[in-house]
Amino acid sequence: MRKICIVTGSRAEYGILRPLIKTIRDEDDLILQIIATGAHLSARFGMTYREIEEDGFLIDEKVDIGLKGDAPRAIAGAMGAAIGGLAGAYLKLDPDIVVLLGDRFEIFSAAAAALVTRTALAHIHGGEVTMGAYDDAFRHAITKMSHLHFVATKEYRDRVIQLGEDRRNVHNVGALGLESMRNTVFFSRKEMEKELGLVPGRRSLLVTFHPETLGDEDSAVLFGEIIKALDGKKGVKLIFTGSNADTGGNLINKMINKYVSANPGRAVAFKSLGQRRYFSALRYVDAVVGNSSSGVIEAPSFGIPTVNVGDRQKGRIKAKSVIDCRTDAASISRAIDKAFSNSFRKICGCVANPYDGGDNVSSKIVEALKAFDLDKDFLKKRFHDIGVRRRFSGK
């Protein structure tokens, strides 16, 4: 019986992992373990570990990392607490393989803890590039600490192999979040209006913006330009979802709440919509605005445009439905107008999503988790050079 441990640090990431968690749980020859950490245990983010339990899953360990704020020192302190706390959880649970998704700082800490406790590590969504955030470096570092890789496109598989990983352990399975989307029972439009407390109207936008942690400009200033552009779109209904725990996220959330308070009946805000409401919102809104990875990975499958603002997602493969724009209000406004145009909406309606790996992404992952050879000395990873004829002597 192979023990597979899922580490989750946020509601959004858990929503993507849910079908994989269920598939692991239903396998007769696997034992599911779950560790909840990060924003799941933060009152500021809604103590969302409860959603995992409400879905009928047992949380084996809760690791509180003391996420008190989003200043650099607070995040660095949380990372240190996460490494220590998660290492203790691994030693207690003794998993055969730990599974991580993404590129957040708490996920980097989970990978570092696995490394020092000599635990096999599987990583989902490696090989991607997001040049506007330090998540980019975390993601590549997690790749180098991992033994098994599940990527979303061929190009990302090539990049993970380029990083020196054994191609036999790099699997192109597509985006797990799209399997979650297919498994979602959407709210009806009437139900969605009740859930939102807002009648979407003829035109509506879903807005999510996270800090550009490697940008030269203050993220609050950038978000102010988005607000300015949105304010000029009279009659357009706005659904805001909260920013994440990166430096500057708290200030962005305050700006959202202030704007919503000043625009009752036109704008609403949620710390997080949760997966069912979020995917249902994508089904009914006219476009997505901001810089969330969801606008790049999931939104194209709904046939709607994405206005991708700034550099946070720069470098990611994008469908033709994604409009990249600069961070000034005028550029954002023009991009929104393009998203609303009938000609562009026709393009979006038949766009191919490059992240679509089909219906059975979680099954592909589970089969590879079962097949991975734990009997060999897998911890001593060899760096697989590409295009180098002469072997390095090591001297």
Protein backbone atom coordinates (compact mmCIF):
# COMPACT_ATOMS: atom_id res chain seq x y z
CA MET A 1 0.00 0.00 0.00
CA ARG A 2 1.74 3.14 -1.25
CA LYS A 3 1.08 6.28 0.83
CA ILE A 4 0.51 9.42 -1.27
CA CYS A 5 0.53 12.70 0.66
CA ILE A 6 -1.12 15.81 -0.82
CA VAL A 7 0.03 19.17 0.58
CA THR A 8 -2.34 22.09 -0.01
CA GLY A 9 -1.89 25.68 1.10
CA SER A 10 -4.83 27.56 -0.44
CA ARG A 11 -8.44 27.22 -1.48
CA ALA A 12 -7.69 27.83 -5.16
CA GLU A 13 -4.99 25.17 -5.29
CA TYR A 14 -7.16 22.68 -3.38
CA GLY A 15 -9.94 23.18 -5.93
CA ILE A 16 -7.55 22.13 -8.69
CA LEU A 17 -6.30 19.14 -6.68
CA ARG A 18 -9.75 17.86 -5.69
CA PRO A 19 -10.23 15.33 -8.55
CA LEU A 20 -6.74 13.94 -7.95
CA ILE A 21 -7.42 13.62 -4.21
CA LYS A 22 -10.65 11.76 -4.95
CA THR A 23 -8.95 9.46 -7.46
CA ILE A 24 -6.19 8.58 -4.98
CA ARG A 25 -8.73 7.95 -2.22
CA ASP A 26 -10.70 5.57 -4.44
CA GLU A 27 -7.67 3.45 -5.40
CA ASP A 28 -7.53 0.16 -3.49
CA ASP A 29 -3.73 0.02 -3.44
CA LEU A 30 -3.08 3.63 -2.40
CA ILE A 31 -3.42 5.36 0.97
CA LEU A 32 -4.37 9.04 0.82
CA GLN A 33 -2.82 11.53 3.23
CA ILE A 34 -3.62 15.27 3.31
CA ILE A 35 -1.70 18.10 4.94
CA ALA A 36 -3.37 21.53 5.10
CA THR A 37 -1.21 24.59 5.65
CA GLY A 38 -0.78 28.24 4.63
CA ALA A 39 -3.90 30.30 3.92
CA HIS A 40 -6.15 27.31 4.72
CA LEU A 41 -5.46 27.96 8.42
CA SER A 42 -5.65 31.76 8.28
CA ALA A 43 -8.73 33.63 9.54
CA ARG A 44 -7.87 36.41 7.06
CA PHE A 45 -8.46 33.96 4.21
CA GLY A 46 -11.52 32.29 5.73
CA MET A 47 -10.10 29.15 7.45
CA THR A 48 -10.72 27.26 4.23
CA TYR A 49 -9.43 23.92 5.51
CA ARG A 50 -13.09 23.41 6.48
CA GLU A 51 -13.97 23.03 2.79
CA ILE A 52 -11.66 20.02 2.55
CA GLU A 53 -13.47 18.41 5.48
CA GLU A 54 -16.88 19.34 4.07
CA ASP A 55 -15.93 17.46 0.90
CA GLY A 56 -15.55 14.34 3.03
CA PHE A 57 -11.75 14.16 3.11
CA LEU A 58 -9.73 13.56 6.27
CA ILE A 59 -6.96 16.08 6.98
CA ASP A 60 -4.13 14.09 8.54
CA GLU A 61 -2.09 17.11 9.67
CA LYS A 62 -2.67 20.86 9.94
CA VAL A 63 0.57 22.86 9.82
CA ASP A 64 0.10 26.47 10.90
CA ILE A 65 2.91 28.60 9.48
CA GLY A 66 1.98 31.80 11.32
CA LEU A 67 0.91 33.74 8.22
CA LYS A 68 0.47 37.12 9.95
CA GLY A 69 0.90 39.51 7.03
CA ASP A 70 2.25 40.04 3.54
CA ALA A 71 5.40 42.06 4.25
CA PRO A 72 8.64 40.39 3.01
CA ARG A 73 9.81 39.60 6.55
CA ALA A 74 6.44 38.07 7.46
CA ILE A 75 6.48 35.86 4.36
CA ALA A 76 10.09 34.80 4.98
CA GLY A 77 9.18 33.94 8.58
CA ALA A 78 6.19 31.90 7.39
CA MET A 79 8.44 30.03 4.97
CA GLY A 80 10.80 29.08 7.79
CA ALA A 81 7.93 27.93 9.98
CA ALA A 82 6.52 25.93 7.07
CA ILE A 83 9.77 24.04 6.45
CA GLY A 84 10.02 23.02 10.11
CA GLY A 85 6.34 22.21 10.53
CA LEU A 86 6.01 20.25 7.31
CA ALA A 87 9.20 18.30 7.95
CA GLY A 88 7.69 17.20 11.27
CA ALA A 89 4.46 16.19 9.53
CA TYR A 90 6.34 14.13 6.93
CA LEU A 91 8.34 12.34 9.60
CA LYS A 92 5.12 11.53 11.45
CA LEU A 93 3.08 10.38 8.43
CA ASP A 94 6.00 8.71 6.61
CA PRO A 95 4.54 9.10 3.09
CA ASP A 96 6.04 7.28 0.12
CA ILE A 97 5.45 10.25 -2.22
CA VAL A 98 4.51 13.87 -1.46
CA VAL A 99 2.52 15.63 -4.21
CA LEU A 100 2.72 19.41 -4.66
CA LEU A 101 1.05 21.75 -7.13
CA GLY A 102 2.31 25.09 -8.34
CA ASP A 103 4.79 27.68 -7.30
CA ARG A 104 3.74 29.48 -4.12
CA PHE A 105 6.19 30.22 -1.32
CA GLU A 106 4.53 27.72 1.02
CA ILE A 107 4.77 25.04 -1.68
CA PHE A 108 8.48 25.81 -2.07
CA SER A 109 8.80 25.28 1.70
CA ALA A 110 6.92 21.98 1.40
CA ALA A 111 9.41 20.86 -1.25
CA ALA A 112 12.42 21.89 0.87
CA ALA A 113 11.02 19.93 3.82
CA ALA A 114 10.61 16.86 1.60
CA LEU A 115 14.20 17.19 0.44
CA VAL A 116 15.71 17.23 3.93
CA THR A 117 13.46 14.39 5.15
CA ARG A 118 14.51 12.25 2.14
CA THR A 119 10.95 11.98 0.83
CA ALA A 120 10.06 11.35 -2.82
CA LEU A 121 8.44 14.39 -4.39
CA ALA A 122 6.00 14.75 -7.32
CA HIS A 123 5.36 18.22 -8.75
CA ILE A 124 2.42 19.43 -10.85
CA HIS A 125 2.67 22.44 -13.23
CA GLY A 126 6.44 22.65 -13.52
CA GLY A 127 8.27 24.14 -16.50
CA GLU A 128 6.06 27.22 -16.77
CA VAL A 129 7.31 30.80 -16.81
CA THR A 130 5.82 33.81 -14.98
CA MET A 131 8.36 36.59 -15.33
CA GLY A 132 6.54 39.11 -13.14
CA ALA A 133 6.62 37.15 -9.87
CA TYR A 134 9.17 35.40 -7.69
CA ASP A 135 6.91 32.36 -7.99
CA ASP A 136 8.84 31.77 -11.23
CA ALA A 137 12.04 31.00 -9.31
CA PHE A 138 10.16 28.97 -6.68
CA ARG A 139 8.65 26.82 -9.45
CA HIS A 140 12.01 25.98 -11.05
CA ALA A 141 13.55 25.31 -7.63
CA ILE A 142 10.72 22.89 -6.82
CA THR A 143 11.42 21.15 -10.14
CA LYS A 144 15.03 20.55 -9.12
CA MET A 145 13.93 19.13 -5.75
CA SER A 146 11.31 16.85 -7.35
CA HIS A 147 11.64 13.31 -8.68
CA LEU A 148 8.41 13.05 -10.70
CA HIS A 149 6.88 15.78 -12.84
CA PHE A 150 3.40 16.38 -14.28
CA VAL A 151 3.38 19.24 -16.76
CA ALA A 152 0.60 20.89 -18.74
CA THR A 153 2.03 21.21 -22.27
CA LYS A 154 4.76 19.74 -24.47
CA GLU A 155 6.73 22.99 -24.27
CA TYR A 156 6.72 22.82 -20.48
CA ARG A 157 7.85 19.20 -20.61
CA ASP A 158 10.77 20.25 -22.81
CA ARG A 159 11.70 22.97 -20.31
CA VAL A 160 11.70 20.59 -17.33
CA ILE A 161 13.94 18.22 -19.31
CA GLN A 162 16.12 21.23 -20.18
CA LEU A 163 16.51 21.79 -16.43
CA GLY A 164 18.27 18.44 -16.29
CA GLU A 165 15.41 16.13 -15.31
CA ASP A 166 15.09 12.54 -16.51
CA ARG A 167 12.64 12.60 -19.43
CA ARG A 168 11.23 9.24 -18.31
CA ASN A 169 9.89 10.96 -15.17
CA VAL A 170 8.39 14.01 -16.94
CA HIS A 171 4.75 13.43 -17.96
CA ASN A 172 2.71 15.81 -20.12
CA VAL A 173 -0.82 15.30 -18.74
CA GLY A 174 -2.46 18.69 -19.33
CA ALA A 175 -3.89 21.03 -16.69
CA LEU A 176 -5.56 19.31 -13.74
CA GLY A 177 -7.79 22.36 -13.23
CA LEU A 178 -9.60 21.63 -16.49
CA GLU A 179 -10.63 18.23 -15.15
CA SER A 180 -12.06 20.03 -12.12
CA MET A 181 -13.96 22.29 -14.49
CA ARG A 182 -15.45 19.34 -16.36
CA ASN A 183 -16.56 17.75 -13.09
CA THR A 184 -18.27 20.92 -11.84
CA VAL A 185 -22.04 21.10 -11.60
CA PHE A 186 -22.56 24.75 -12.56
CA PHE A 187 -25.05 27.04 -10.88
CA SER A 188 -27.87 28.22 -13.11
CA ARG A 189 -27.87 31.90 -13.99
CA LYS A 190 -30.65 32.55 -11.47
CA GLU A 191 -28.78 30.60 -8.77
CA MET A 192 -25.61 32.50 -9.61
CA GLU A 193 -27.34 35.82 -9.22
CA LYS A 194 -28.40 34.72 -5.73
CA GLU A 195 -24.90 33.47 -4.89
CA LEU A 196 -23.32 36.73 -6.00
CA GLY A 197 -25.96 39.10 -4.70
CA LEU A 198 -25.66 40.77 -8.09
CA VAL A 199 -27.59 40.64 -11.36
CA PRO A 200 -24.79 40.38 -13.96
CA GLY A 201 -26.66 42.43 -16.57
CA ARG A 202 -25.79 42.72 -20.24
CA ARG A 203 -22.04 43.04 -19.64
CA SER A 204 -20.01 41.76 -16.71
CA LEU A 205 -16.38 41.14 -15.81
CA LEU A 206 -14.61 38.84 -13.35
CA VAL A 207 -11.60 40.69 -11.90
CA THR A 208 -8.64 39.08 -10.12
CA PHE A 209 -5.33 40.86 -9.59
CA HIS A 210 -2.28 39.66 -7.64
CA PRO A 211 0.91 41.60 -6.81
CA GLU A 212 3.74 41.67 -9.33
CA THR A 213 6.40 40.69 -6.80
CA LEU A 214 9.27 41.30 -9.24
CA GLY A 215 7.84 44.45 -10.83
CA ASP A 216 9.39 47.89 -10.53
CA GLU A 217 6.03 49.58 -9.99
CA ASP A 218 3.98 49.35 -6.81
CA SER A 219 1.23 46.74 -7.19
CA ALA A 220 -1.32 49.06 -5.58
CA VAL A 221 -0.52 51.68 -8.24
CA LEU A 222 -1.00 49.06 -10.96
CA PHE A 223 -4.32 47.98 -9.47
CA GLY A 224 -5.36 51.63 -9.29
CA GLU A 225 -4.98 51.79 -13.08
CA ILE A 226 -7.27 48.76 -13.43
CA ILE A 227 -9.84 50.48 -11.18
CA LYS A 228 -9.59 53.63 -13.30
CA ALA A 229 -10.19 51.64 -16.49
CA LEU A 230 -13.13 49.73 -14.97
CA ASP A 231 -14.66 52.93 -13.63
CA GLY A 232 -14.90 54.21 -17.18
CA LYS A 233 -17.00 51.23 -18.28
CA LYS A 234 -20.39 52.48 -17.18
CA GLY A 235 -23.08 49.84 -16.79
CA VAL A 236 -20.59 46.95 -16.67
CA LYS A 237 -21.10 44.74 -13.60
CA LEU A 238 -17.93 43.74 -11.71
CA ILE A 239 -17.15 40.62 -9.66
CA PHE A 240 -13.89 40.95 -7.71
CA THR A 241 -12.03 38.05 -6.11
CA GLY A 242 -9.46 38.72 -3.42
CA SER A 243 -5.74 39.02 -3.95
CA ASN A 244 -3.36 36.38 -2.58
CA ALA A 245 -0.92 36.47 0.35
CA ASP A 246 1.99 37.97 -1.62
CA THR A 247 3.52 41.28 -0.56
CA GLY A 248 0.99 44.00 -1.38
CA GLY A 249 -2.03 41.69 -1.52
CA ASN A 250 -3.59 43.08 1.65
CA LEU A 251 -3.54 46.65 0.28
CA ILE A 252 -5.13 45.49 -3.00
CA ASN A 253 -7.94 43.84 -1.03
CA LYS A 254 -8.57 47.07 0.87
CA MET A 255 -8.81 48.92 -2.45
CA ILE A 256 -11.31 46.34 -3.72
CA ASN A 257 -13.49 46.68 -0.62
CA LYS A 258 -13.42 50.47 -0.85
CA TYR A 259 -14.46 50.42 -4.51
CA VAL A 260 -17.26 47.92 -3.93
CA SER A 261 -18.60 50.00 -1.02
CA ALA A 262 -18.70 53.03 -3.29
CA ASN A 263 -20.43 51.11 -6.11
CA PRO A 264 -23.32 49.09 -4.60
CA GLY A 265 -25.39 47.17 -7.11
CA ARG A 266 -22.60 47.35 -9.68
CA ALA A 267 -19.71 45.61 -7.93
CA VAL A 268 -19.30 42.76 -5.44
CA ALA A 269 -16.21 41.25 -3.83
CA PHE A 270 -15.29 37.85 -2.39
CA LYS A 271 -12.17 36.71 -0.54
CA SER A 272 -12.52 33.66 -2.77
CA LEU A 273 -15.49 32.42 -4.76
CA GLY A 274 -14.68 28.77 -4.22
CA GLN A 275 -14.41 26.48 -7.20
CA ARG A 276 -18.08 25.93 -8.04
CA ARG A 277 -18.97 29.61 -7.89
CA TYR A 278 -15.76 30.60 -9.68
CA PHE A 279 -16.29 28.25 -12.61
CA SER A 280 -19.97 29.20 -12.74
CA ALA A 281 -18.95 32.86 -12.88
CA LEU A 282 -16.62 32.08 -15.81
CA ARG A 283 -19.59 30.52 -17.55
CA TYR A 284 -21.73 33.67 -17.31
CA VAL A 285 -19.36 36.67 -17.38
CA ASP A 286 -18.27 38.31 -20.64
CA ALA A 287 -14.54 38.41 -19.86
CA VAL A 288 -11.84 38.03 -17.21
CA VAL A 289 -9.61 40.98 -16.23
CA GLY A 290 -6.43 40.91 -14.15
CA ASN A 291 -3.31 38.75 -13.97
CA SER A 292 -4.42 35.43 -12.49
CA SER A 293 -3.14 32.17 -13.98
CA SER A 294 -6.78 31.07 -14.21
CA GLY A 295 -7.35 33.66 -16.92
CA VAL A 296 -4.65 31.92 -18.95
CA ILE A 297 -5.31 28.26 -18.09
CA GLU A 298 -9.05 27.83 -17.40
CA ALA A 299 -10.87 30.82 -18.95
CA PRO A 300 -10.14 29.88 -22.59
CA SER A 301 -12.14 26.66 -22.14
CA PHE A 302 -15.25 28.78 -21.46
CA GLY A 303 -14.89 30.58 -24.79
CA ILE A 304 -14.47 33.99 -23.15
CA PRO A 305 -11.72 36.62 -23.50
CA THR A 306 -9.06 37.33 -20.88
CA VAL A 307 -7.52 40.76 -20.45
CA ASN A 308 -4.11 39.90 -19.01
CA VAL A 309 -2.62 42.98 -17.36
CA GLY A 310 1.13 43.47 -16.92
CA ASP A 311 3.96 40.98 -16.55
CA ARG A 312 2.89 38.55 -13.81
CA GLN A 313 1.95 35.89 -16.40
CA LYS A 314 4.56 36.95 -18.96
CA GLY A 315 6.17 33.89 -20.51
CA ARG A 316 3.22 31.52 -20.13
CA ILE A 317 1.79 29.85 -23.23
CA LYS A 318 -1.50 31.58 -24.01
CA ALA A 319 -4.56 30.81 -26.10
CA LYS A 320 -5.67 33.30 -28.77
CA SER A 321 -8.44 34.42 -26.42
CA VAL A 322 -5.90 36.10 -24.08
CA ILE A 323 -5.25 39.80 -24.69
CA ASP A 324 -1.95 40.99 -23.19
CA CYS A 325 -1.91 44.67 -22.30
CA ARG A 326 0.22 47.24 -20.51
CA THR A 327 -0.59 48.46 -17.01
CA ASP A 328 -1.86 51.99 -17.75
CA ALA A 329 -5.59 52.65 -17.61
CA ALA A 330 -5.83 53.61 -21.29
CA SER A 331 -4.27 50.32 -22.46
CA ILE A 332 -6.48 48.31 -20.11
CA SER A 333 -9.57 50.16 -21.32
CA ARG A 334 -8.75 49.47 -24.97
CA ALA A 335 -8.16 45.78 -24.17
CA ILE A 336 -11.56 45.55 -22.44
CA ASP A 337 -13.22 47.15 -25.47
CA LYS A 338 -11.56 44.55 -27.69
CA ALA A 339 -12.79 41.77 -25.36
CA PHE A 340 -16.34 43.09 -25.67
CA SER A 341 -16.21 43.34 -29.48
CA ASN A 342 -18.27 40.84 -31.45
CA SER A 343 -15.39 40.01 -33.79
CA PHE A 344 -13.06 39.02 -30.93
CA ARG A 345 -15.76 37.10 -29.10
CA LYS A 346 -16.26 34.97 -32.23
CA ILE A 347 -12.56 34.08 -32.11
CA CYS A 348 -12.82 33.14 -28.44
CA GLY A 349 -15.82 30.90 -29.08
CA CYS A 350 -13.77 28.44 -31.14
CA VAL A 351 -10.32 28.84 -29.57
CA ALA A 352 -8.19 25.80 -28.70
CA ASN A 353 -6.95 25.68 -25.11
CA PRO A 354 -3.26 24.61 -25.13
CA TYR A 355 -3.61 23.31 -21.55
CA ASP A 356 -6.37 20.81 -22.31
CA GLY A 357 -5.13 17.28 -21.62
CA GLY A 358 -8.48 15.53 -21.84
CA ASP A 359 -10.83 14.04 -19.27
CA ASN A 360 -8.54 11.75 -17.29
CA VAL A 361 -5.66 13.91 -16.05
CA SER A 362 -5.92 12.64 -12.47
CA SER A 363 -5.89 9.00 -13.64
CA LYS A 364 -2.72 9.61 -15.65
CA ILE A 365 -1.07 11.11 -12.57
CA VAL A 366 -2.16 8.23 -10.34
CA GLU A 367 -0.81 5.61 -12.73
CA ALA A 368 2.58 7.34 -12.79
CA LEU A 369 2.58 7.63 -8.97
CA LYS A 370 1.99 3.87 -8.78
CA ALA A 371 4.67 3.06 -11.34
CA PHE A 372 7.45 5.27 -9.95
CA ASP A 373 10.29 3.05 -8.75
CA LEU A 374 10.98 3.73 -5.06
CA ASP A 375 13.34 0.77 -4.73
CA LYS A 376 16.20 2.43 -6.58
CA ASP A 377 18.35 5.15 -5.05
CA PHE A 378 16.03 7.81 -6.45
CA LEU A 379 17.19 10.46 -3.97
CA LYS A 380 20.57 10.74 -5.69
CA LYS A 381 19.25 12.48 -8.77
CA ARG A 382 21.50 12.64 -11.79
CA PHE A 383 21.57 15.84 -13.87
CA HIS A 384 20.70 14.82 -17.42
CA ASP A 385 22.65 17.05 -19.80
CA ILE A 386 21.20 17.97 -23.19
CA GLY A 387 23.37 18.39 -26.28
CA VAL A 388 26.63 17.90 -24.38
CA ARG A 389 28.87 15.35 -26.09
CA ARG A 390 31.67 15.37 -23.55
CA ARG A 391 30.76 14.20 -20.08
CA PHE A 392 31.71 16.55 -17.30
CA SER A 393 34.62 15.16 -15.28
CA GLY A 394 33.39 16.78 -12.09
CA LYS A 395 36.82 18.28 -11.48
